[in-house]
Every structure is written in C-alpha cells, then in structure tokens.
Amino acid sequence: MAQTSGLASADRLRIHELAREEAHDNFAEDVRAGLTSRPKKLMPKYFYDELGSKLFEAICLLPEYYPTRAEDEILARYADEIVNSVDGYKTLLEMGSGSAAKTQSLIEALLRQQADLLYIPVDISATALETSSRVLLQSYPQLRIEAYAGDYYDGLAALRDRPAGARTLALFLGSNIGNFDAGEADRFLRALRKVLSVGDALLLGADLKKEPAVLEAAYDDALGVTAAFDRNLLVRINRELEADFDPRAFRHVATYNQETGCVESYLESLREQVVWLGNFDMDIRFEEGERIHTENSYKYDLDGLSRMAAQTGFTRARTWLDEQEQFSSNLFLAVE
C-alpha cells in the first residue's frame, strides 16, 4: 500500500512510499539464487544502497566516464528543442530520477513555455527523492512534485491509476536502458507505454557502440571508483545477510563483448575461498579466478533503437547527439 508523506511545502510536494515488506526477503533470495547458480551472478539493481548511490555519483564525475558529460551537453544544448517536440501543456515523468541534476535543463525549458509544471519522479530511494525534491522546490517556485519511492514496476503500476490530464513527457536518462537485456528492455518499455497516451513521449538516453578501449575504460577507471562501487555490493550482502565476504579478495573486471554489444562487469575471486552466507546457514565456494557477473551495459546503434521503439508501441521521432557522437538522446513518440 502507498503511504503519503508531506515533507516540505505540503501543497507542492507528495512522496508516495510504495511499501513492500517483502523487499528484504527478495534481496536475500535473489542473492542466494545468484550465488548458487552456475555461473554465479548478482543483480545490479542492488548496487544502490546509500553508499552505492554516492559512489555512482562519483563515477559520473570521472574523466573516463563520458556518458554523463555527453548527455549533459545534449540536454544543455537541445532542451528547448526536446520539450517543443511534444505538443501541448506537459507533465514531466522521470523513471530512476536519482539526484535529478540532469533534469533541471528540461524543467527550465518547460517553465519557459508554461506557467507551472508537475514533475513525477520515480526512484527506488525515498531518501534520494526527498533530497532532490527539496532542492528543486527551492529553485523553481512554479514546480509541484508528486514522487513515487519504489522500483520501476511498482511506480508504473501506481501511475496507471493516475487520471488522464496533460500531455506527458517521460524521461529515462543516463544509459539505464543498457542495464536491461533485450527481453527486459522490451518488458520495461511496454510497461511504460501502458501509462502513456498516444502523442505522449519518452526521452530515452542510450549509449552508442564505439571502440572497446573507450568503453572498457568507462567501466574500469584508473582511480578504482567503479571497482569500489562493484565491491560495495559484497559489503551490503555482509551487512544485510550476515555474510563474511572479504571484498579485497575480489577484483573488478570489465570487458566489452563486441558480438553482443555489451560491457560485462564481474567480481573475480583472487583465491580459492569459502564465504559464509549467514542468513541461509550455508557456505559459498569460489575457485581462484571464478567470477560473479554483476552487470551488463548494452550499447546501441540508431537502427537498433528504431527497432526497439517499434516493438514496444513507440516510434523514434528524433535523436540528438553530443558533439563527439558518443551518446544519444532519443524521442520515442507513443503511437497506436
């Protein structure tokens, strides 16, 4: 059940906490299943505890991690074009909003063309929503925020009950779509399409295929911030599931698979070892060199993005690129 919390300026802010009592149980079972599978794997959605979220923010500032700078360039340069590509008075919906730093260019562009704006962020972290909402409300007096704290599908389920109103511009920024394989991307986009009407739009950020050396450096930086982000998942498992991982006994590995167009991330055991998973009273054995698959990051070309749009109830109407053509922001229009 959703709980509503007025955190500040009650007339301008509501945060719906999509409480799921089974969330901890889901985490525990997903970890157990992943660590007992062959090959071992962990789900990337569990990266984002409080420290993990801060580490990801740090990754976005790294010189090797070009996607953030490239997308910032696109949004700063083309924000007015983007919002003017959707007719009418608009509501802004964002999936995985995080700090909402990138969103401000689009908020400002919308407020240049309409007197006020309803912003609907969806994020797994209620803390991130509260923090970002306070900043945005202080900066934009014409803004109202109705936020949903939950995973993507819980948020979309809640939004299906929202009464029809203004035209919706949905956002899925960063290279978040790349964390889904083809089947998962299809499922997510179809679920999002169900909350949109014909003529509504999605601005989809998508990283583009390029040289393997550039891609691998972006996911394995020289300072080791991405490695710390990856290993923090083991720290979370220790804390929440009474495990005894030694994060220093694993190294972060990122490699680009040109056949699948995907950067694959792993934690590789540096020695033969046994890890105790206390919640399940069980040992997890690792061989030296054995890997835990932690994340995929798929890269796209424009033809692939057009196919993905067509398969999920959209058409790719516009695409904006940064100057070096490393990253794309794509306007997917909802169609019949």
Protein backbone atom coordinates (compact mmCIF):
# COMPACT_ATOMS: atom_id res chain seq x y z
CA MET A 1 0.00 0.00 0.00
CA ALA A 2 1.24 3.50 -0.76
CA GLN A 3 1.87 5.83 2.14
CA THR A 4 1.83 9.56 1.51
CA SER A 5 4.32 11.81 3.26
CA GLY A 6 4.32 15.62 3.18
CA LEU A 7 7.98 16.52 3.60
CA ALA A 8 8.10 20.21 2.72
CA SER A 9 5.71 22.75 1.18
CA ALA A 10 2.88 20.26 1.61
CA ASP A 11 0.82 21.94 -1.08
CA ARG A 12 3.63 21.37 -3.63
CA LEU A 13 5.10 18.01 -2.63
CA ARG A 14 3.84 14.50 -2.06
CA ILE A 15 6.01 11.41 -1.78
CA HIS A 16 4.24 8.07 -2.11
CA GLU A 17 6.21 5.33 -0.42
CA LEU A 18 5.30 2.15 -2.26
CA ALA A 19 5.99 -0.01 0.76
CA ARG A 20 6.97 -3.59 0.03
CA GLU A 21 7.52 -5.57 3.18
CA GLU A 22 8.99 -8.43 1.18
CA ALA A 23 11.81 -6.29 -0.26
CA HIS A 24 14.42 -7.66 2.17
CA ASP A 25 13.24 -11.21 1.52
CA ASN A 26 13.52 -10.60 -2.23
CA PHE A 27 17.07 -9.33 -1.82
CA ALA A 28 18.05 -12.34 0.28
CA GLU A 29 16.51 -14.85 -2.12
CA ASP A 30 17.99 -13.16 -5.20
CA VAL A 31 21.45 -13.26 -3.59
CA ARG A 32 21.07 -16.91 -2.57
CA ALA A 33 19.86 -17.89 -6.03
CA GLY A 34 22.57 -15.90 -7.77
CA LEU A 35 25.47 -17.20 -5.68
CA THR A 36 24.37 -20.83 -6.04
CA SER A 37 23.86 -20.60 -9.82
CA ARG A 38 26.41 -21.53 -12.48
CA PRO A 39 27.91 -19.12 -13.34
CA LYS A 40 27.41 -17.00 -10.22
CA LYS A 41 25.62 -13.68 -10.62
CA LEU A 42 24.19 -10.77 -8.64
CA MET A 43 21.52 -8.32 -9.77
CA PRO A 44 22.72 -4.75 -10.47
CA LYS A 45 19.59 -3.16 -9.01
CA TYR A 46 21.03 -3.98 -5.58
CA PHE A 47 24.08 -1.74 -6.12
CA TYR A 48 22.18 1.31 -4.92
CA ASP A 49 22.24 1.36 -1.16
CA GLU A 50 23.20 4.72 0.36
CA LEU A 51 26.94 4.29 -0.24
CA GLY A 52 26.41 2.70 -3.64
CA SER A 53 24.37 5.70 -4.78
CA LYS A 54 27.12 8.08 -3.67
CA LEU A 55 29.78 6.01 -5.41
CA PHE A 56 27.77 6.09 -8.63
CA GLU A 57 27.55 9.88 -8.38
CA ALA A 58 31.34 9.90 -8.08
CA ILE A 59 31.66 7.63 -11.14
CA CYS A 60 29.70 10.17 -13.16
CA LEU A 61 32.42 12.76 -12.46
CA LEU A 62 35.32 10.58 -13.64
CA PRO A 63 37.23 11.59 -16.79
CA GLU A 64 36.80 8.09 -18.26
CA TYR A 65 33.04 8.06 -17.75
CA TYR A 66 31.97 10.06 -20.80
CA PRO A 67 28.19 9.27 -20.83
CA THR A 68 27.30 11.82 -18.16
CA ARG A 69 29.19 14.68 -19.83
CA ALA A 70 27.86 13.75 -23.26
CA GLU A 71 24.25 13.65 -22.08
CA ASP A 72 24.67 16.88 -20.11
CA GLU A 73 25.92 18.51 -23.31
CA ILE A 74 22.87 17.30 -25.26
CA LEU A 75 20.37 18.44 -22.63
CA ALA A 76 22.02 21.84 -22.18
CA ARG A 77 22.12 22.47 -25.93
CA TYR A 78 18.79 20.99 -27.03
CA ALA A 79 16.42 21.23 -24.04
CA ASP A 80 14.10 23.70 -25.76
CA GLU A 81 14.01 21.61 -28.94
CA ILE A 82 13.28 18.49 -26.93
CA VAL A 83 10.34 19.89 -24.97
CA ASN A 84 8.95 21.67 -28.06
CA SER A 85 8.89 18.32 -29.89
CA VAL A 86 5.89 17.34 -27.75
CA ASP A 87 2.71 19.35 -28.29
CA GLY A 88 0.64 20.96 -25.57
CA TYR A 89 0.84 21.59 -21.86
CA LYS A 90 3.09 18.92 -20.35
CA THR A 91 3.71 16.89 -17.22
CA LEU A 92 7.24 15.57 -16.67
CA LEU A 93 7.61 11.93 -15.56
CA GLU A 94 11.07 10.53 -14.76
CA MET A 95 12.00 6.90 -14.13
CA GLY A 96 15.05 6.41 -11.92
CA SER A 97 15.36 10.12 -11.12
CA GLY A 98 18.20 9.91 -8.57
CA SER A 99 19.54 13.39 -7.81
CA ALA A 100 17.56 14.85 -10.77
CA ALA A 101 20.59 17.03 -11.63
CA LYS A 102 20.26 16.39 -15.38
CA THR A 103 16.54 17.03 -15.27
CA GLN A 104 16.89 20.69 -14.43
CA SER A 105 17.64 21.70 -18.04
CA LEU A 106 14.33 20.19 -19.11
CA ILE A 107 12.41 21.64 -16.15
CA GLU A 108 13.71 25.10 -17.04
CA ALA A 109 12.84 24.64 -20.71
CA LEU A 110 9.30 23.58 -19.82
CA LEU A 111 8.85 26.52 -17.45
CA ARG A 112 9.88 28.85 -20.26
CA GLN A 113 6.83 27.70 -22.21
CA GLN A 114 4.22 27.06 -19.50
CA ALA A 115 3.31 28.78 -16.22
CA ASP A 116 3.79 25.78 -13.94
CA LEU A 117 4.84 22.15 -14.04
CA LEU A 118 4.01 18.86 -12.35
CA TYR A 119 7.11 16.69 -12.01
CA ILE A 120 6.64 12.98 -11.20
CA PRO A 121 9.93 11.28 -10.26
CA VAL A 122 10.11 7.53 -9.58
CA ASP A 123 13.13 6.19 -7.72
CA ILE A 124 13.95 3.21 -5.51
CA SER A 125 15.41 5.54 -2.85
CA ALA A 126 12.98 7.60 -0.77
CA THR A 127 15.98 9.47 0.65
CA ALA A 128 17.14 10.49 -2.82
CA LEU A 129 13.62 11.63 -3.69
CA GLU A 130 13.32 13.73 -0.55
CA THR A 131 16.72 15.37 -1.06
CA SER A 132 16.26 16.12 -4.75
CA SER A 133 12.69 17.34 -4.23
CA ARG A 134 13.74 19.86 -1.58
CA VAL A 135 16.40 21.29 -3.90
CA LEU A 136 14.06 21.51 -6.87
CA LEU A 137 11.22 23.14 -4.94
CA GLN A 138 13.56 25.80 -3.60
CA SER A 139 14.86 26.51 -7.10
CA TYR A 140 11.56 26.51 -9.00
CA PRO A 141 8.54 28.11 -7.26
CA GLN A 142 6.30 27.10 -10.20
CA LEU A 143 7.06 23.41 -9.67
CA ARG A 144 4.89 20.76 -8.00
CA ILE A 145 6.25 17.30 -7.27
CA GLU A 146 4.41 14.02 -6.87
CA ALA A 147 7.09 11.40 -6.22
CA TYR A 148 6.95 7.61 -6.01
CA ALA A 149 9.50 5.69 -3.93
CA GLY A 150 9.67 2.16 -5.30
CA ASP A 151 11.06 0.08 -8.13
CA TYR A 152 10.16 0.82 -11.74
CA TYR A 153 7.27 -1.61 -11.95
CA ASP A 154 5.70 -0.60 -8.63
CA GLY A 155 5.90 3.02 -9.76
CA LEU A 156 4.36 2.29 -13.14
CA ALA A 157 1.58 0.23 -11.53
CA ALA A 158 0.72 3.18 -9.28
CA LEU A 159 0.82 5.60 -12.20
CA ARG A 160 -1.70 3.57 -14.20
CA ASP A 161 -4.36 4.82 -11.77
CA ARG A 162 -3.46 8.46 -12.36
CA PRO A 163 -6.28 10.38 -14.07
CA ALA A 164 -5.66 11.50 -17.63
CA GLY A 165 -4.63 15.12 -17.96
CA ALA A 166 -1.79 16.99 -19.57
CA ARG A 167 0.47 15.54 -22.23
CA THR A 168 3.29 13.50 -20.61
CA LEU A 169 6.99 13.75 -21.41
CA ALA A 170 8.63 10.73 -19.75
CA LEU A 171 12.36 10.54 -19.10
CA PHE A 172 14.69 7.55 -18.82
CA LEU A 173 18.07 9.25 -18.79
CA GLY A 174 21.66 8.12 -18.44
CA SER A 175 22.40 4.79 -20.03
CA ASN A 176 19.95 2.96 -17.75
CA ILE A 177 18.23 1.17 -20.62
CA GLY A 178 21.58 -0.50 -21.28
CA ASN A 179 21.35 -2.38 -17.98
CA PHE A 180 18.50 -4.42 -19.45
CA ASP A 181 18.97 -7.27 -21.90
CA ALA A 182 16.69 -7.27 -24.95
CA GLY A 183 13.84 -9.08 -23.21
CA GLU A 184 14.00 -6.90 -20.10
CA ALA A 185 14.16 -3.70 -22.17
CA ASP A 186 11.10 -4.82 -24.11
CA ARG A 187 9.19 -5.56 -20.90
CA PHE A 188 10.11 -2.23 -19.31
CA LEU A 189 9.24 -0.13 -22.34
CA ARG A 190 5.91 -1.93 -22.80
CA ALA A 191 5.07 -1.29 -19.13
CA LEU A 192 5.96 2.38 -19.52
CA ARG A 193 3.93 2.63 -22.73
CA LYS A 194 0.84 1.47 -20.79
CA VAL A 195 0.89 4.62 -18.64
CA LEU A 196 1.26 6.90 -21.68
CA SER A 197 -1.36 8.05 -24.18
CA VAL A 198 -0.92 8.34 -27.93
CA GLY A 199 1.05 11.53 -28.53
CA ASP A 200 2.91 11.34 -25.23
CA ALA A 201 6.65 10.86 -25.49
CA LEU A 202 9.67 9.25 -23.87
CA LEU A 203 13.13 10.82 -23.92
CA LEU A 204 15.42 7.79 -23.79
CA GLY A 205 19.14 8.09 -23.14
CA ALA A 206 21.20 5.39 -24.87
CA ASP A 207 24.95 4.96 -25.10
CA LEU A 208 26.28 4.21 -28.58
CA LYS A 209 28.61 1.48 -29.79
CA LYS A 210 32.24 2.56 -30.08
CA GLU A 211 35.84 1.41 -29.63
CA PRO A 212 36.28 -1.29 -26.96
CA ALA A 213 39.12 0.62 -25.24
CA VAL A 214 36.88 3.65 -24.65
CA LEU A 215 34.04 1.51 -23.34
CA GLU A 216 36.17 -0.61 -21.04
CA ALA A 217 37.90 2.43 -19.53
CA ALA A 218 34.49 3.96 -18.76
CA TYR A 219 33.63 0.91 -16.65
CA ASP A 220 37.04 0.32 -15.07
CA ASP A 221 38.53 3.71 -14.19
CA ALA A 222 42.12 4.28 -13.14
CA LEU A 223 41.18 5.54 -9.65
CA GLY A 224 39.20 2.40 -8.86
CA VAL A 225 35.90 4.11 -8.07
CA THR A 226 33.95 1.70 -10.27
CA ALA A 227 35.72 -1.21 -8.58
CA ALA A 228 34.66 0.15 -5.17
CA PHE A 229 31.09 0.51 -6.46
CA ASP A 230 31.10 -3.12 -7.62
CA ARG A 231 32.63 -4.46 -4.39
CA ASN A 232 30.22 -2.42 -2.26
CA LEU A 233 27.58 -4.97 -3.23
CA LEU A 234 29.53 -7.54 -1.22
CA VAL A 235 29.64 -5.13 1.73
CA ARG A 236 25.85 -4.80 1.52
CA ILE A 237 25.45 -8.59 1.49
CA ASN A 238 27.68 -8.82 4.58
CA ARG A 239 25.61 -6.20 6.39
CA GLU A 240 22.11 -7.35 5.48
CA LEU A 241 22.54 -11.11 5.10
CA GLU A 242 25.19 -11.82 7.77
CA ALA A 243 27.79 -12.92 5.24
CA ASP A 244 31.57 -12.72 5.62
CA PHE A 245 32.81 -11.67 2.17
CA ASP A 246 36.26 -10.12 2.12
CA PRO A 247 35.80 -7.50 -0.63
CA ARG A 248 39.59 -7.23 -1.01
CA ALA A 249 39.63 -10.87 -2.12
CA PHE A 250 37.77 -9.94 -5.33
CA ARG A 251 38.85 -7.76 -8.23
CA HIS A 252 36.59 -5.82 -10.54
CA VAL A 253 36.70 -6.84 -14.22
CA ALA A 254 35.00 -5.04 -17.14
CA THR A 255 35.18 -6.35 -20.69
CA TYR A 256 33.38 -5.39 -23.90
CA ASN A 257 31.72 -8.21 -25.82
CA GLN A 258 31.59 -6.95 -29.41
CA GLU A 259 29.29 -9.76 -30.53
CA THR A 260 26.54 -8.76 -28.09
CA GLY A 261 27.42 -5.05 -27.96
CA CYS A 262 27.68 -5.22 -24.19
CA VAL A 263 30.15 -4.22 -21.47
CA GLU A 264 30.10 -7.07 -18.96
CA SER A 265 31.17 -6.45 -15.35
CA TYR A 266 32.35 -9.10 -12.91
CA LEU A 267 33.84 -9.61 -9.48
CA GLU A 268 36.65 -12.16 -9.81
CA SER A 269 37.86 -14.23 -6.86
CA LEU A 270 41.59 -13.71 -6.30
CA ARG A 271 41.97 -17.03 -4.49
CA GLU A 272 40.16 -20.22 -3.65
CA GLN A 273 37.88 -19.32 -0.77
CA VAL A 274 34.68 -20.12 1.11
CA VAL A 275 32.17 -17.41 2.04
CA TRP A 276 29.63 -17.91 4.82
CA LEU A 277 26.07 -16.75 3.98
CA GLY A 278 24.65 -16.49 7.47
CA ASN A 279 21.03 -15.80 6.58
CA PHE A 280 20.88 -19.20 4.89
CA ASP A 281 23.40 -21.04 7.09
CA MET A 282 25.36 -22.08 4.03
CA ASP A 283 28.83 -21.95 2.50
CA ILE A 284 29.50 -20.45 -0.93
CA ARG A 285 32.68 -21.82 -2.51
CA PHE A 286 34.84 -19.95 -5.01
CA GLU A 287 37.67 -21.21 -7.16
CA GLU A 288 40.58 -18.88 -7.88
CA GLY A 289 39.57 -16.84 -10.94
CA GLU A 290 35.87 -17.67 -10.60
CA ARG A 291 33.64 -14.71 -11.42
CA ILE A 292 30.38 -13.26 -10.17
CA HIS A 293 28.55 -11.50 -13.03
CA THR A 294 27.29 -8.18 -11.62
CA GLU A 295 26.18 -6.03 -14.54
CA ASN A 296 25.64 -5.72 -18.27
CA SER A 297 25.70 -2.40 -20.08
CA TYR A 298 24.38 -2.73 -23.62
CA LYS A 299 25.34 -0.26 -26.34
CA TYR A 300 23.19 0.67 -29.31
CA ASP A 301 23.15 1.93 -32.86
CA LEU A 302 20.31 4.04 -34.26
CA ASP A 303 18.77 1.20 -36.27
CA GLY A 304 18.59 -0.90 -33.11
CA LEU A 305 16.91 1.94 -31.24
CA SER A 306 14.33 2.30 -34.02
CA ARG A 307 13.54 -1.42 -33.83
CA MET A 308 13.22 -1.27 -30.05
CA ALA A 309 10.80 1.65 -30.32
CA ALA A 310 8.65 -0.06 -32.95
CA GLN A 311 8.43 -3.28 -30.94
CA THR A 312 7.16 -1.53 -27.80
CA GLY A 313 4.49 0.89 -29.02
CA PHE A 314 6.68 3.87 -29.96
CA THR A 315 8.33 5.41 -32.96
CA ARG A 316 11.78 7.03 -32.82
CA ALA A 317 10.86 10.55 -33.94
CA ARG A 318 14.04 12.50 -33.15
CA THR A 319 17.58 11.83 -31.96
CA TRP A 320 20.07 14.31 -30.54
CA LEU A 321 23.80 13.53 -30.28
CA ASP A 322 26.68 15.15 -28.43
CA GLU A 323 29.44 16.78 -30.48
CA GLN A 324 31.61 13.64 -30.45
CA GLU A 325 28.59 11.43 -31.25
CA GLN A 326 29.22 9.14 -28.30
CA PHE A 327 25.76 9.27 -26.72
CA SER A 328 22.18 9.65 -27.92
CA SER A 329 19.01 11.21 -26.53
CA ASN A 330 16.05 9.74 -28.39
CA LEU A 331 12.48 10.99 -28.55
CA PHE A 332 10.18 7.97 -28.67
CA LEU A 333 6.61 9.04 -29.51
CA ALA A 334 3.78 6.82 -28.25
CA VAL A 335 1.73 5.54 -31.18
CA GLU A 336 -1.32 3.32 -31.69
